[in-house]
């Protein structure tokens, strides 16, 4: 019942909320949000909501294979797919999921507020991040209005909340290209060689030429760029003369 929801406290702007999620038996569960964040591996939960196909949208709902977890992650629209891709490449992220939880609370005016953040990511320090995805025109009015409360709510659980803006078209296109080489098989056991070949900044094609057969080497180079073992300016168009260098931390990890 909505009248049983926690209410926003008037003092200090504190937000307390109920969390709703789908349990292992397929039934909708309701627990205090702070308890869910503390006791449940939220990243293992199925989506609490589905995304329908909408006329006029260029990207229909689909699934993204995550190199981070080896699992499929659901997305509902183009901006959401882009953010899944960026989270999958972020070295701080160890797990991610699509809308695994819906948060519900009563606003101070007594209105019931129900919100399912688009994405959730688990970070290497064990904390979590709730993410809503903004489109080219920025966040929706609904997201913009709820963001301050969601920020406080996430903080109370030791998490973070953010509205993720889209990267530049060039940056998104470059990462999308590298994502085609995100599977570890593309490394081919050659990531150490690749890092050594780019110990100093040099054009990609020069390093590839020194490493051997381009058909065999380029996938490893692109995989190294995806993993962060190699760095280049991804806000510029990526091409064979793009200058890359090995990241010191990435080279050790390789």
Protein backbone atom coordinates (compact mmCIF):
# COMPACT_ATOMS: atom_id res chain seq x y z
CA UNK A 1 0.00 0.00 0.00
CA UNK A 2 1.39 3.43 -0.94
CA UNK A 3 0.29 4.94 2.41
CA UNK A 4 2.75 2.61 4.16
CA UNK A 5 5.73 4.17 2.37
CA UNK A 6 8.38 6.02 4.37
CA UNK A 7 8.04 9.79 4.15
CA UNK A 8 10.71 12.36 3.43
CA UNK A 9 11.77 13.91 6.74
CA UNK A 10 11.38 17.66 6.88
CA UNK A 11 14.56 18.19 8.87
CA UNK A 12 17.86 17.97 7.07
CA UNK A 13 16.37 16.83 3.78
CA UNK A 14 16.78 13.17 4.70
CA UNK A 15 15.15 10.69 2.33
CA UNK A 16 14.11 7.25 3.48
CA UNK A 17 12.75 4.89 0.89
CA UNK A 18 11.41 1.44 0.29
CA UNK A 19 13.21 -0.77 -2.21
CA UNK A 20 11.29 -3.08 -4.52
CA UNK A 21 13.00 -5.89 -6.39
CA UNK A 22 12.29 -9.25 -8.00
CA UNK A 23 13.31 -12.15 -5.77
CA UNK A 24 14.63 -15.54 -6.82
CA UNK A 25 11.08 -16.89 -6.91
CA UNK A 26 10.04 -14.23 -9.42
CA UNK A 27 7.91 -12.35 -6.90
CA UNK A 28 8.15 -8.66 -6.12
CA UNK A 29 9.81 -8.03 -2.75
CA UNK A 30 9.68 -4.88 -0.61
CA UNK A 31 12.29 -4.00 2.02
CA UNK A 32 13.80 -0.79 3.43
CA UNK A 33 16.29 0.61 0.90
CA UNK A 34 19.12 0.83 3.45
CA UNK A 35 18.68 -2.86 4.23
CA UNK A 36 18.71 -3.89 0.58
CA UNK A 37 21.87 -1.91 -0.17
CA UNK A 38 23.57 -3.43 2.89
CA UNK A 39 22.47 -7.08 2.61
CA UNK A 40 21.71 -7.90 -1.05
CA UNK A 41 23.98 -8.27 -4.08
CA UNK A 42 21.85 -5.87 -6.08
CA UNK A 43 23.87 -6.46 -9.25
CA UNK A 44 22.63 -10.08 -9.32
CA UNK A 45 18.95 -9.10 -9.39
CA UNK A 46 16.92 -9.22 -12.62
CA UNK A 47 15.40 -6.01 -14.00
CA UNK A 48 12.49 -4.81 -11.90
CA UNK A 49 10.96 -3.20 -14.98
CA UNK A 50 10.89 -3.86 -18.70
CA UNK A 51 11.46 -1.46 -21.57
CA UNK A 52 9.00 -1.40 -24.43
CA UNK A 53 9.73 -0.64 -28.06
CA UNK A 54 8.79 2.99 -28.75
CA UNK A 55 8.06 4.39 -32.14
CA UNK A 56 10.64 6.91 -33.30
CA UNK A 57 13.51 5.59 -31.21
CA UNK A 58 16.55 4.56 -33.23
CA UNK A 59 17.63 1.89 -30.73
CA UNK A 60 15.22 -0.76 -29.48
CA UNK A 61 15.67 -2.57 -26.14
CA UNK A 62 18.40 -5.19 -26.27
CA UNK A 63 21.26 -6.90 -24.47
CA UNK A 64 24.93 -6.03 -24.06
CA UNK A 65 27.56 -8.67 -23.39
CA UNK A 66 29.68 -7.32 -20.53
CA UNK A 67 33.42 -7.93 -20.68
CA UNK A 68 33.52 -7.00 -16.98
CA UNK A 69 31.27 -9.84 -15.80
CA UNK A 70 30.81 -12.14 -18.81
CA UNK A 71 27.04 -11.64 -18.44
CA UNK A 72 24.36 -9.99 -20.55
CA UNK A 73 23.12 -6.59 -19.37
CA UNK A 74 19.75 -5.30 -20.53
CA UNK A 75 19.30 -1.80 -21.95
CA UNK A 76 16.16 0.02 -22.98
CA UNK A 77 17.25 2.77 -25.38
CA UNK A 78 20.27 4.25 -27.13
CA UNK A 79 21.57 6.52 -24.35
CA UNK A 80 21.28 3.65 -21.90
CA UNK A 81 23.24 1.34 -24.20
CA UNK A 82 25.99 3.95 -24.41
CA UNK A 83 26.23 4.19 -20.62
CA UNK A 84 26.32 0.40 -20.26
CA UNK A 85 29.23 0.42 -22.72
CA UNK A 86 31.09 3.13 -20.79
CA UNK A 87 30.55 1.40 -17.44
CA UNK A 88 31.78 -1.85 -18.95
CA UNK A 89 35.04 -0.11 -19.90
CA UNK A 90 35.47 1.68 -16.57
CA UNK A 91 38.23 -0.14 -14.59
CA UNK A 92 36.57 0.82 -11.27
CA UNK A 93 33.41 -1.15 -12.14
CA UNK A 94 33.27 -4.83 -11.18
CA UNK A 95 29.58 -5.52 -11.90
CA UNK A 96 26.61 -3.78 -13.50
CA UNK A 97 22.90 -4.37 -13.92
CA UNK A 98 19.84 -2.87 -15.56
CA UNK A 99 17.19 -1.37 -13.23
CA UNK A 100 17.54 -4.04 -10.52
CA UNK A 101 15.69 -1.96 -7.94
CA UNK A 102 12.76 0.43 -7.78
CA UNK A 103 12.71 3.01 -5.01
CA UNK A 104 9.50 4.35 -3.52
CA UNK A 105 8.80 7.05 -0.95
CA UNK A 106 6.29 9.70 0.00
CA UNK A 107 7.17 13.27 -0.77
CA UNK A 108 6.49 15.97 1.81
CA UNK A 109 3.25 16.86 0.03
CA UNK A 110 2.08 13.26 0.50
CA UNK A 111 2.55 12.27 -3.13
CA UNK A 112 3.92 8.78 -3.75
CA UNK A 113 7.17 8.83 -5.72
CA UNK A 114 8.33 5.66 -7.49
CA UNK A 115 11.61 5.64 -9.39
CA UNK A 116 13.70 2.87 -10.93
CA UNK A 117 17.19 4.16 -11.82
CA UNK A 118 18.23 2.97 -15.26
CA UNK A 119 21.45 1.25 -14.18
CA UNK A 120 23.39 0.09 -11.15
CA UNK A 121 27.14 -0.48 -10.93
CA UNK A 122 29.22 -2.10 -8.19
CA UNK A 123 32.65 -0.54 -7.71
CA UNK A 124 35.87 -2.25 -6.71
CA UNK A 125 35.68 -0.72 -3.21
CA UNK A 126 32.35 -2.52 -2.65
CA UNK A 127 30.14 0.55 -2.91
CA UNK A 128 27.41 1.00 -5.48
CA UNK A 129 26.33 3.66 -7.94
CA UNK A 130 22.79 4.27 -9.18
CA UNK A 131 22.72 5.81 -12.64
CA UNK A 132 20.07 7.54 -14.72
CA UNK A 133 20.88 8.16 -18.38
CA UNK A 134 20.44 11.55 -19.99
CA UNK A 135 19.80 11.90 -23.70
CA UNK A 136 21.17 14.44 -26.17
CA UNK A 137 18.82 17.09 -24.77
CA UNK A 138 19.87 16.35 -21.19
CA UNK A 139 17.97 14.54 -18.43
CA UNK A 140 14.19 14.29 -18.51
CA UNK A 141 12.27 16.66 -16.23
CA UNK A 142 11.29 13.71 -14.04
CA UNK A 143 14.92 12.69 -13.53
CA UNK A 144 16.06 16.28 -12.96
CA UNK A 145 13.39 16.83 -10.29
CA UNK A 146 14.19 13.62 -8.42
CA UNK A 147 17.98 13.76 -8.68
CA UNK A 148 18.54 15.73 -5.41
CA UNK A 149 16.47 13.26 -3.38
CA UNK A 150 18.10 10.27 -5.06
CA UNK A 151 21.54 11.72 -4.32
CA UNK A 152 20.72 11.93 -0.59
CA UNK A 153 19.07 8.52 -0.60
CA UNK A 154 22.11 6.88 -2.20
CA UNK A 155 24.47 8.63 0.21
CA UNK A 156 22.55 7.29 3.21
CA UNK A 157 23.31 3.77 1.99
CA UNK A 158 26.98 4.55 1.36
CA UNK A 159 26.34 4.65 -2.39
CA UNK A 160 26.34 7.35 -5.02
CA UNK A 161 23.79 8.55 -7.54
CA UNK A 162 24.52 10.36 -10.77
CA UNK A 163 22.84 11.43 -13.96
CA UNK A 164 25.15 10.32 -16.77
CA UNK A 165 25.51 12.67 -19.71
CA UNK A 166 26.29 11.34 -23.15
CA UNK A 167 29.88 11.63 -24.35
CA UNK A 168 30.71 13.53 -27.52
CA UNK A 169 29.64 11.78 -30.75
CA UNK A 170 33.30 11.21 -31.66
CA UNK A 171 34.16 9.79 -28.24
CA UNK A 172 31.12 7.51 -28.27
CA UNK A 173 31.94 6.28 -31.78
CA UNK A 174 35.53 5.51 -30.81
CA UNK A 175 34.56 3.55 -27.70
CA UNK A 176 31.86 1.74 -29.69
CA UNK A 177 34.53 0.64 -32.17
CA UNK A 178 36.85 -0.55 -29.40
CA UNK A 179 33.95 -2.38 -27.76
CA UNK A 180 33.92 -4.69 -30.78
CA UNK A 181 37.27 -5.97 -29.47
CA UNK A 182 36.34 -6.13 -25.78
CA UNK A 183 36.34 -9.93 -25.55
CA UNK A 184 39.59 -11.18 -23.94
CA UNK A 185 40.24 -13.50 -26.88
CA UNK A 186 41.26 -10.46 -28.91
CA UNK A 187 44.24 -9.95 -26.62
CA UNK A 188 45.70 -13.17 -28.00
CA UNK A 189 48.19 -13.41 -25.14
CA UNK A 190 50.07 -10.45 -26.64
CA UNK A 191 49.15 -7.58 -24.32
CA UNK A 192 52.61 -7.50 -22.75
CA UNK A 193 54.18 -7.19 -26.21
CA UNK A 194 51.71 -4.48 -27.15
CA UNK A 195 52.49 -2.47 -24.03
CA UNK A 196 56.24 -2.80 -24.68
CA UNK A 197 55.82 -1.68 -28.30
CA UNK A 198 54.14 1.51 -27.10
CA UNK A 199 56.44 2.25 -24.18
CA UNK A 200 56.91 5.64 -25.81
CA UNK A 201 54.17 7.58 -27.63
CA UNK A 202 53.97 6.59 -31.30
CA UNK A 203 51.38 6.23 -34.09
CA UNK A 204 49.34 3.04 -33.89
CA UNK A 205 50.40 1.82 -37.33
CA UNK A 206 54.11 2.03 -36.39
CA UNK A 207 53.69 -0.11 -33.31
CA UNK A 208 51.54 -2.60 -35.20
CA UNK A 209 54.13 -2.87 -37.96
CA UNK A 210 56.87 -3.69 -35.44
CA UNK A 211 54.72 -6.35 -33.77
CA UNK A 212 54.16 -8.46 -36.89
CA UNK A 213 51.23 -9.45 -39.07
CA UNK A 214 48.72 -6.54 -38.90
CA UNK A 215 45.74 -8.91 -39.25
CA UNK A 216 46.82 -10.63 -36.04
CA UNK A 217 48.10 -7.55 -34.19
CA UNK A 218 45.34 -4.97 -34.69
CA UNK A 219 42.75 -6.90 -32.58
CA UNK A 220 45.24 -7.05 -29.70
CA UNK A 221 45.97 -3.32 -30.02
CA UNK A 222 42.27 -2.43 -30.05
CA UNK A 223 41.69 -4.70 -27.06
CA UNK A 224 44.55 -2.96 -25.23
CA UNK A 225 42.92 0.41 -25.98
CA UNK A 226 39.60 -0.91 -24.65
CA UNK A 227 41.24 -2.20 -21.46
CA UNK A 228 43.24 0.97 -20.86
CA UNK A 229 46.59 -0.77 -21.32
CA UNK A 230 47.11 1.70 -24.16
CA UNK A 231 45.93 5.30 -24.06
CA UNK A 232 45.06 7.65 -26.88
CA UNK A 233 42.94 10.77 -27.32
CA UNK A 234 39.49 9.26 -27.82
CA UNK A 235 37.87 12.68 -28.21
CA UNK A 236 39.54 12.84 -31.61
CA UNK A 237 38.74 10.54 -34.56
CA UNK A 238 40.57 7.25 -34.09
CA UNK A 239 42.71 6.18 -37.07
CA UNK A 240 45.95 4.41 -37.88
CA UNK A 241 48.06 7.53 -37.26
CA UNK A 242 46.52 8.18 -33.83
CA UNK A 243 49.30 8.43 -31.25
CA UNK A 244 49.10 5.92 -28.39
CA UNK A 245 51.22 5.09 -25.39
CA UNK A 246 51.19 2.39 -22.75
CA UNK A 247 49.56 3.29 -19.45
CA UNK A 248 52.03 2.59 -16.65
CA UNK A 249 49.50 0.79 -14.42
CA UNK A 250 47.99 -1.05 -17.38
CA UNK A 251 51.36 -2.22 -18.60
CA UNK A 252 52.12 -3.80 -15.21
CA UNK A 253 48.68 -5.47 -15.13
CA UNK A 254 49.21 -6.89 -18.59
